[in-house]
Amino acid sequence: WYRQAPGQERELVASIVGGGITNYADSVKGRFTISRD
């Protein structure tokens, strides 16, 4: 998931790979959770 606010560049929010490893932007750590089927 990426996000883009008005007047700002698109930024990575969170990512997940097939093995289930996740990565989060510092600004959303502890608040957002990425998951997949």
All heavy atoms as atom14 arrays in JSON, in Angstrom:
{
  "sequence": "WYRQAPGQERELVASIVGGGITNYADSVKGRFTISRD",
  "atom14_mask": [
    [1, 1, 1, 1, 1, 1, 1, 1, 1, 1, 1, 1, 1, 1],
    [1, 1, 1, 1, 1, 1, 1, 1, 1, 1, 1, 1, 0, 0],
    [1, 1, 1, 1, 1, 1, 1, 1, 1, 1, 1, 0, 0, 0],
    [1, 1, 1, 1, 1, 1, 1, 1, 1, 0, 0, 0, 0, 0],
    [1, 1, 1, 1, 1, 0, 0, 0, 0, 0, 0, 0, 0, 0],
    [1, 1, 1, 1, 1, 1, 1, 0, 0, 0, 0, 0, 0, 0],
    [1, 1, 1, 1, 0, 0, 0, 0, 0, 0, 0, 0, 0, 0],
    [1, 1, 1, 1, 1, 1, 1, 1, 1, 0, 0, 0, 0, 0],
    [1, 1, 1, 1, 1, 1, 1, 1, 1, 0, 0, 0, 0, 0],
    [1, 1, 1, 1, 1, 1, 1, 1, 1, 1, 1, 0, 0, 0],
    [1, 1, 1, 1, 1, 1, 1, 1, 1, 0, 0, 0, 0, 0],
    [1, 1, 1, 1, 1, 1, 1, 1, 0, 0, 0, 0, 0, 0],
    [1, 1, 1, 1, 1, 1, 1, 0, 0, 0, 0, 0, 0, 0],
    [1, 1, 1, 1, 1, 0, 0, 0, 0, 0, 0, 0, 0, 0],
    [1, 1, 1, 1, 1, 1, 0, 0, 0, 0, 0, 0, 0, 0],
    [1, 1, 1, 1, 1, 1, 1, 1, 0, 0, 0, 0, 0, 0],
    [1, 1, 1, 1, 1, 1, 1, 0, 0, 0, 0, 0, 0, 0],
    [1, 1, 1, 1, 0, 0, 0, 0, 0, 0, 0, 0, 0, 0],
    [1, 1, 1, 1, 0, 0, 0, 0, 0, 0, 0, 0, 0, 0],
    [1, 1, 1, 1, 0, 0, 0, 0, 0, 0, 0, 0, 0, 0],
    [1, 1, 1, 1, 1, 1, 1, 1, 0, 0, 0, 0, 0, 0],
    [1, 1, 1, 1, 1, 1, 1, 0, 0, 0, 0, 0, 0, 0],
    [1, 1, 1, 1, 1, 1, 1, 1, 0, 0, 0, 0, 0, 0],
    [1, 1, 1, 1, 1, 1, 1, 1, 1, 1, 1, 1, 0, 0],
    [1, 1, 1, 1, 1, 0, 0, 0, 0, 0, 0, 0, 0, 0],
    [1, 1, 1, 1, 1, 1, 1, 1, 0, 0, 0, 0, 0, 0],
    [1, 1, 1, 1, 1, 1, 0, 0, 0, 0, 0, 0, 0, 0],
    [1, 1, 1, 1, 1, 1, 1, 0, 0, 0, 0, 0, 0, 0],
    [1, 1, 1, 1, 1, 1, 1, 1, 1, 0, 0, 0, 0, 0],
    [1, 1, 1, 1, 0, 0, 0, 0, 0, 0, 0, 0, 0, 0],
    [1, 1, 1, 1, 1, 1, 1, 1, 1, 1, 1, 0, 0, 0],
    [1, 1, 1, 1, 1, 1, 1, 1, 1, 1, 1, 0, 0, 0],
    [1, 1, 1, 1, 1, 1, 1, 0, 0, 0, 0, 0, 0, 0],
    [1, 1, 1, 1, 1, 1, 1, 1, 0, 0, 0, 0, 0, 0],
    [1, 1, 1, 1, 1, 1, 0, 0, 0, 0, 0, 0, 0, 0],
    [1, 1, 1, 1, 1, 1, 1, 1, 1, 1, 1, 0, 0, 0],
    [1, 1, 1, 1, 1, 1, 1, 1, 0, 0, 0, 0, 0, 0]
  ],
  "atom14_positions": [
    [[0.86, -1.18, 0.0], [0.0, 0.0, 0.0], [0.89, 1.23, 0.0], [1.85, 1.33, 0.79], [-0.9, 0.02, 1.23], [-1.98, -1.0, 1.19], [-1.98, -2.25, 1.75], [-3.25, -0.86, 0.54], [-3.15, -2.89, 1.49], [-3.96, -2.06, 0.75], [-3.86, 0.15, -0.19], [-5.24, -2.27, 0.25], [-5.14, -0.06, -0.69], [-5.82, -1.26, -0.46]],
    [[0.58, 2.15, -0.88], [1.2, 3.47, -0.93], [0.11, 4.52, -0.69], [-1.08, 4.21, -0.79], [1.81, 3.72, -2.32], [3.09, 2.97, -2.59], [3.07, 1.6, -2.86], [4.32, 3.62, -2.61], [4.25, 0.9, -3.12], [5.5, 2.94, -2.87], [5.45, 1.59, -3.14], [6.62, 0.91, -3.41], [0.0, 0.0, 0.0], [0.0, 0.0, 0.0]],
    [[0.53, 5.72, -0.39], [-0.44, 6.81, -0.28], [0.17, 8.1, -0.81], [1.38, 8.26, -0.83], [-0.9, 7.0, 1.17], [0.17, 7.52, 2.13], [-0.37, 7.52, 3.56], [0.62, 8.01, 4.51], [0.45, 7.99, 5.82], [-0.68, 7.49, 6.35], [1.39, 8.46, 6.62], [0.0, 0.0, 0.0], [0.0, 0.0, 0.0], [0.0, 0.0, 0.0]],
    [[-0.72, 8.97, -1.26], [-0.29, 10.26, -1.78], [-1.25, 11.33, -1.3], [-2.44, 11.3, -1.63], [-0.23, 10.24, -3.31], [0.38, 11.48, -3.91], [0.7, 11.31, -5.38], [0.18, 10.42, -6.05], [1.58, 12.15, -5.89], [0.0, 0.0, 0.0], [0.0, 0.0, 0.0], [0.0, 0.0, 0.0], [0.0, 0.0, 0.0], [0.0, 0.0, 0.0]],
    [[-0.73, 12.25, -0.53], [-1.51, 13.38, -0.06], [-1.36, 14.53, -1.06], [-0.39, 14.58, -1.81], [-1.03, 13.81, 1.33], [0.0, 0.0, 0.0], [0.0, 0.0, 0.0], [0.0, 0.0, 0.0], [0.0, 0.0, 0.0], [0.0, 0.0, 0.0], [0.0, 0.0, 0.0], [0.0, 0.0, 0.0], [0.0, 0.0, 0.0], [0.0, 0.0, 0.0]],
    [[-2.29, 15.47, -1.08], [-2.22, 16.59, -2.03], [-0.9, 17.34, -1.9], [-0.47, 17.7, -0.8], [-3.4, 17.47, -1.62], [-4.36, 16.54, -1.0], [-3.54, 15.51, -0.28], [0.0, 0.0, 0.0], [0.0, 0.0, 0.0], [0.0, 0.0, 0.0], [0.0, 0.0, 0.0], [0.0, 0.0, 0.0], [0.0, 0.0, 0.0], [0.0, 0.0, 0.0]],
    [[-0.24, 17.55, -3.04], [1.01, 18.29, -3.05], [2.22, 17.53, -2.58], [3.31, 18.1, -2.48], [0.0, 0.0, 0.0], [0.0, 0.0, 0.0], [0.0, 0.0, 0.0], [0.0, 0.0, 0.0], [0.0, 0.0, 0.0], [0.0, 0.0, 0.0], [0.0, 0.0, 0.0], [0.0, 0.0, 0.0], [0.0, 0.0, 0.0], [0.0, 0.0, 0.0]],
    [[2.04, 16.25, -2.28], [3.15, 15.44, -1.78], [3.42, 14.27, -2.71], [2.58, 13.89, -3.52], [2.86, 14.93, -0.37], [2.69, 16.04, 0.65], [2.57, 15.52, 2.06], [2.98, 14.4, 2.36], [2.02, 16.33, 2.94], [0.0, 0.0, 0.0], [0.0, 0.0, 0.0], [0.0, 0.0, 0.0], [0.0, 0.0, 0.0], [0.0, 0.0, 0.0]],
    [[4.62, 13.68, -2.57], [4.95, 12.53, -3.38], [4.29, 11.27, -2.82], [3.97, 11.2, -1.63], [6.48, 12.35, -3.42], [7.21, 13.46, -4.14], [8.68, 13.15, -4.35], [9.15, 12.13, -3.84], [9.34, 13.94, -5.04], [0.0, 0.0, 0.0], [0.0, 0.0, 0.0], [0.0, 0.0, 0.0], [0.0, 0.0, 0.0], [0.0, 0.0, 0.0]],
    [[4.13, 10.29, -3.69], [3.58, 9.02, -3.25], [4.61, 8.34, -2.35], [5.8, 8.3, -2.65], [3.27, 8.13, -4.46], [2.44, 6.92, -4.16], [2.0, 6.2, -5.42], [1.12, 7.03, -6.24], [0.46, 6.58, -7.3], [0.58, 5.31, -7.66], [-0.3, 7.39, -8.0], [0.0, 0.0, 0.0], [0.0, 0.0, 0.0], [0.0, 0.0, 0.0]],
    [[4.14, 7.79, -1.22], [5.04, 7.15, -0.28], [4.56, 5.76, 0.09], [3.36, 5.49, 0.1], [5.16, 7.99, 1.0], [3.87, 8.14, 1.78], [4.06, 8.84, 3.12], [5.19, 9.17, 3.49], [3.03, 9.05, 3.81], [0.0, 0.0, 0.0], [0.0, 0.0, 0.0], [0.0, 0.0, 0.0], [0.0, 0.0, 0.0], [0.0, 0.0, 0.0]],
    [[5.53, 4.9, 0.39], [5.2, 3.55, 0.82], [4.63, 3.58, 2.23], [5.19, 4.2, 3.13], [6.45, 2.67, 0.79], [6.27, 1.24, 1.3], [5.36, 0.44, 0.39], [7.63, 0.55, 1.44], [0.0, 0.0, 0.0], [0.0, 0.0, 0.0], [0.0, 0.0, 0.0], [0.0, 0.0, 0.0], [0.0, 0.0, 0.0], [0.0, 0.0, 0.0]],
    [[3.51, 2.89, 2.42], [2.89, 2.76, 3.74], [3.26, 1.42, 4.37], [3.7, 1.36, 5.5], [1.36, 2.9, 3.63], [0.71, 2.67, 4.99], [0.98, 4.26, 3.06], [0.0, 0.0, 0.0], [0.0, 0.0, 0.0], [0.0, 0.0, 0.0], [0.0, 0.0, 0.0], [0.0, 0.0, 0.0], [0.0, 0.0, 0.0], [0.0, 0.0, 0.0]],
    [[3.04, 0.35, 3.62], [3.3, -0.99, 4.13], [3.43, -1.95, 2.97], [2.82, -1.74, 1.92], [2.2, -1.45, 5.07], [0.0, 0.0, 0.0], [0.0, 0.0, 0.0], [0.0, 0.0, 0.0], [0.0, 0.0, 0.0], [0.0, 0.0, 0.0], [0.0, 0.0, 0.0], [0.0, 0.0, 0.0], [0.0, 0.0, 0.0], [0.0, 0.0, 0.0]],
    [[4.23, -3.0, 3.17], [4.4, -4.01, 2.13], [4.41, -5.39, 2.76], [4.72, -5.54, 3.96], [5.67, -3.77, 1.33], [6.81, -3.91, 2.16], [0.0, 0.0, 0.0], [0.0, 0.0, 0.0], [0.0, 0.0, 0.0], [0.0, 0.0, 0.0], [0.0, 0.0, 0.0], [0.0, 0.0, 0.0], [0.0, 0.0, 0.0], [0.0, 0.0, 0.0]],
    [[4.11, -6.4, 1.93], [4.14, -7.78, 2.38], [4.57, -8.66, 1.23], [4.18, -8.43, 0.08], [2.76, -8.21, 2.93], [2.84, -9.6, 3.58], [1.68, -8.15, 1.86], [1.6, -9.92, 4.43], [0.0, 0.0, 0.0], [0.0, 0.0, 0.0], [0.0, 0.0, 0.0], [0.0, 0.0, 0.0], [0.0, 0.0, 0.0], [0.0, 0.0, 0.0]],
    [[5.43, -9.64, 1.53], [5.87, -10.57, 0.5], [5.26, -11.94, 0.76], [4.64, -12.16, 1.81], [7.41, -10.64, 0.43], [7.98, -9.3, 0.03], [7.97, -11.12, 1.76], [0.0, 0.0, 0.0], [0.0, 0.0, 0.0], [0.0, 0.0, 0.0], [0.0, 0.0, 0.0], [0.0, 0.0, 0.0], [0.0, 0.0, 0.0], [0.0, 0.0, 0.0]],
    [[5.48, -12.85, -0.19], [4.81, -14.13, -0.11], [5.09, -14.89, 1.18], [4.23, -15.61, 1.67], [0.0, 0.0, 0.0], [0.0, 0.0, 0.0], [0.0, 0.0, 0.0], [0.0, 0.0, 0.0], [0.0, 0.0, 0.0], [0.0, 0.0, 0.0], [0.0, 0.0, 0.0], [0.0, 0.0, 0.0], [0.0, 0.0, 0.0], [0.0, 0.0, 0.0]],
    [[6.28, -14.73, 1.73], [6.61, -15.43, 2.97], [5.98, -14.81, 4.19], [6.12, -15.35, 5.3], [0.0, 0.0, 0.0], [0.0, 0.0, 0.0], [0.0, 0.0, 0.0], [0.0, 0.0, 0.0], [0.0, 0.0, 0.0], [0.0, 0.0, 0.0], [0.0, 0.0, 0.0], [0.0, 0.0, 0.0], [0.0, 0.0, 0.0], [0.0, 0.0, 0.0]],
    [[5.3, -13.69, 4.0], [4.62, -13.04, 5.12], [5.42, -11.95, 5.8], [4.96, -11.34, 6.75], [0.0, 0.0, 0.0], [0.0, 0.0, 0.0], [0.0, 0.0, 0.0], [0.0, 0.0, 0.0], [0.0, 0.0, 0.0], [0.0, 0.0, 0.0], [0.0, 0.0, 0.0], [0.0, 0.0, 0.0], [0.0, 0.0, 0.0], [0.0, 0.0, 0.0]],
    [[6.61, -11.68, 5.29], [7.43, -10.62, 5.88], [6.81, -9.28, 5.54], [6.46, -9.01, 4.39], [8.87, -10.7, 5.37], [9.5, -12.03, 5.8], [9.69, -9.52, 5.88], [10.86, -12.29, 5.2], [0.0, 0.0, 0.0], [0.0, 0.0, 0.0], [0.0, 0.0, 0.0], [0.0, 0.0, 0.0], [0.0, 0.0, 0.0], [0.0, 0.0, 0.0]],
    [[6.68, -8.43, 6.55], [6.05, -7.13, 6.37], [7.04, -5.99, 6.65], [8.05, -6.18, 7.33], [4.84, -6.98, 7.3], [5.27, -7.14, 8.65], [3.77, -8.01, 6.99], [0.0, 0.0, 0.0], [0.0, 0.0, 0.0], [0.0, 0.0, 0.0], [0.0, 0.0, 0.0], [0.0, 0.0, 0.0], [0.0, 0.0, 0.0], [0.0, 0.0, 0.0]],
    [[6.7, -4.85, 6.1], [7.51, -3.65, 6.3], [6.56, -2.46, 6.39], [5.56, -2.41, 5.66], [8.48, -3.46, 5.13], [9.37, -2.25, 5.31], [10.04, -2.11, 6.32], [9.37, -1.36, 4.34], [0.0, 0.0, 0.0], [0.0, 0.0, 0.0], [0.0, 0.0, 0.0], [0.0, 0.0, 0.0], [0.0, 0.0, 0.0], [0.0, 0.0, 0.0]],
    [[6.86, -1.52, 7.29], [5.97, -0.39, 7.52], [6.76, 0.91, 7.53], [7.92, 0.96, 7.98], [5.26, -0.51, 8.87], [4.32, -1.68, 8.96], [4.75, -2.9, 9.47], [2.99, -1.57, 8.56], [3.89, -3.98, 9.56], [2.13, -2.63, 8.65], [2.57, -3.83, 9.15], [1.72, -4.9, 9.24], [0.0, 0.0, 0.0], [0.0, 0.0, 0.0]],
    [[6.11, 1.96, 7.07], [6.66, 3.3, 7.25], [6.65, 3.62, 8.74], [5.76, 3.2, 9.48], [5.82, 4.32, 6.5], [0.0, 0.0, 0.0], [0.0, 0.0, 0.0], [0.0, 0.0, 0.0], [0.0, 0.0, 0.0], [0.0, 0.0, 0.0], [0.0, 0.0, 0.0], [0.0, 0.0, 0.0], [0.0, 0.0, 0.0], [0.0, 0.0, 0.0]],
    [[7.64, 4.37, 9.19], [7.73, 4.71, 10.6], [6.47, 5.42, 11.09], [6.06, 5.24, 12.24], [8.95, 5.6, 10.86], [10.26, 4.85, 10.75], [10.23, 3.59, 10.81], [11.31, 5.49, 10.6], [0.0, 0.0, 0.0], [0.0, 0.0, 0.0], [0.0, 0.0, 0.0], [0.0, 0.0, 0.0], [0.0, 0.0, 0.0], [0.0, 0.0, 0.0]],
    [[5.86, 6.2, 10.23], [4.71, 7.01, 10.63], [3.47, 6.18, 10.94], [2.53, 6.68, 11.55], [4.38, 8.03, 9.53], [4.1, 7.37, 8.31], [0.0, 0.0, 0.0], [0.0, 0.0, 0.0], [0.0, 0.0, 0.0], [0.0, 0.0, 0.0], [0.0, 0.0, 0.0], [0.0, 0.0, 0.0], [0.0, 0.0, 0.0], [0.0, 0.0, 0.0]],
    [[3.44, 4.92, 10.5], [2.25, 4.09, 10.72], [2.52, 2.88, 11.59], [1.59, 2.14, 11.92], [1.62, 3.64, 9.38], [1.36, 4.85, 8.48], [2.48, 2.61, 8.67], [0.0, 0.0, 0.0], [0.0, 0.0, 0.0], [0.0, 0.0, 0.0], [0.0, 0.0, 0.0], [0.0, 0.0, 0.0], [0.0, 0.0, 0.0], [0.0, 0.0, 0.0]],
    [[3.76, 2.66, 11.98], [4.09, 1.49, 12.81], [3.29, 1.51, 14.1], [3.17, 2.54, 14.76], [5.59, 1.47, 13.13], [6.45, 0.95, 12.0], [7.92, 0.95, 12.39], [8.79, 0.48, 11.24], [10.24, 0.57, 11.54], [0.0, 0.0, 0.0], [0.0, 0.0, 0.0], [0.0, 0.0, 0.0], [0.0, 0.0, 0.0], [0.0, 0.0, 0.0]],
    [[2.73, 0.35, 14.43], [1.93, 0.24, 15.64], [0.48, 0.64, 15.46], [-0.35, 0.39, 16.34], [0.0, 0.0, 0.0], [0.0, 0.0, 0.0], [0.0, 0.0, 0.0], [0.0, 0.0, 0.0], [0.0, 0.0, 0.0], [0.0, 0.0, 0.0], [0.0, 0.0, 0.0], [0.0, 0.0, 0.0], [0.0, 0.0, 0.0], [0.0, 0.0, 0.0]],
    [[0.15, 1.25, 14.33], [-1.24, 1.66, 14.07], [-1.85, 0.91, 12.89], [-3.04, 0.63, 12.88], [-1.29, 3.17, 13.79], [-0.8, 4.03, 14.92], [-1.07, 5.51, 14.66], [-0.39, 6.02, 13.48], [-1.02, 6.57, 12.44], [-2.35, 6.7, 12.46], [-0.32, 7.02, 11.41], [0.0, 0.0, 0.0], [0.0, 0.0, 0.0], [0.0, 0.0, 0.0]],
    [[-1.04, 0.63, 11.88], [-1.52, -0.04, 10.67], [-1.0, -1.47, 10.62], [0.12, -1.75, 11.06], [-1.04, 0.68, 9.41], [-1.65, 2.04, 9.17], [-2.41, 2.68, 10.13], [-1.44, 2.67, 7.95], [-2.95, 3.93, 9.9], [-1.98, 3.92, 7.69], [-2.73, 4.56, 8.68], [0.0, 0.0, 0.0], [0.0, 0.0, 0.0], [0.0, 0.0, 0.0]],
    [[-1.81, -2.35, 10.04], [-1.39, -3.74, 9.86], [-1.74, -4.19, 8.45], [-2.89, -4.09, 8.03], [-2.08, -4.67, 10.87], [-1.8, -4.23, 12.2], [-1.6, -6.1, 10.7], [0.0, 0.0, 0.0], [0.0, 0.0, 0.0], [0.0, 0.0, 0.0], [0.0, 0.0, 0.0], [0.0, 0.0, 0.0], [0.0, 0.0, 0.0], [0.0, 0.0, 0.0]],
    [[-0.74, -4.7, 7.74], [-0.97, -5.25, 6.41], [-1.06, -6.76, 6.53], [-0.32, -7.39, 7.3], [0.15, -4.83, 5.42], [-0.21, -5.21, 3.98], [1.51, -5.4, 5.83], [0.72, -4.62, 2.93], [0.0, 0.0, 0.0], [0.0, 0.0, 0.0], [0.0, 0.0, 0.0], [0.0, 0.0, 0.0], [0.0, 0.0, 0.0], [0.0, 0.0, 0.0]],
    [[-1.98, -7.35, 5.77], [-2.13, -8.79, 5.79], [-2.61, -9.24, 4.41], [-3.0, -8.41, 3.58], [-3.12, -9.24, 6.87], [-4.4, -8.68, 6.65], [0.0, 0.0, 0.0], [0.0, 0.0, 0.0], [0.0, 0.0, 0.0], [0.0, 0.0, 0.0], [0.0, 0.0, 0.0], [0.0, 0.0, 0.0], [0.0, 0.0, 0.0], [0.0, 0.0, 0.0]],
    [[-2.57, -10.55, 4.18], [-3.02, -11.05, 2.89], [-3.61, -12.44, 3.07], [-3.35, -13.11, 4.06], [-1.87, -11.07, 1.86], [-0.55, -11.7, 2.34], [-0.48, -13.09, 2.2], [0.85, -13.66, 2.37], [1.05, -14.66, 3.18], [0.08, -15.14, 3.93], [2.25, -15.21, 3.25], [0.0, 0.0, 0.0], [0.0, 0.0, 0.0], [0.0, 0.0, 0.0]],
    [[-4.39, -12.85, 2.07], [-4.85, -14.22, 2.1], [-3.73, -15.11, 1.6], [-2.71, -14.64, 1.09], [-6.14, -14.4, 1.29], [-5.94, -14.16, -0.2], [-4.82, -13.84, -0.64], [-6.93, -14.29, -0.95], [0.0, 0.0, 0.0], [0.0, 0.0, 0.0], [0.0, 0.0, 0.0], [0.0, 0.0, 0.0], [0.0, 0.0, 0.0], [0.0, 0.0, 0.0]]
  ]
}
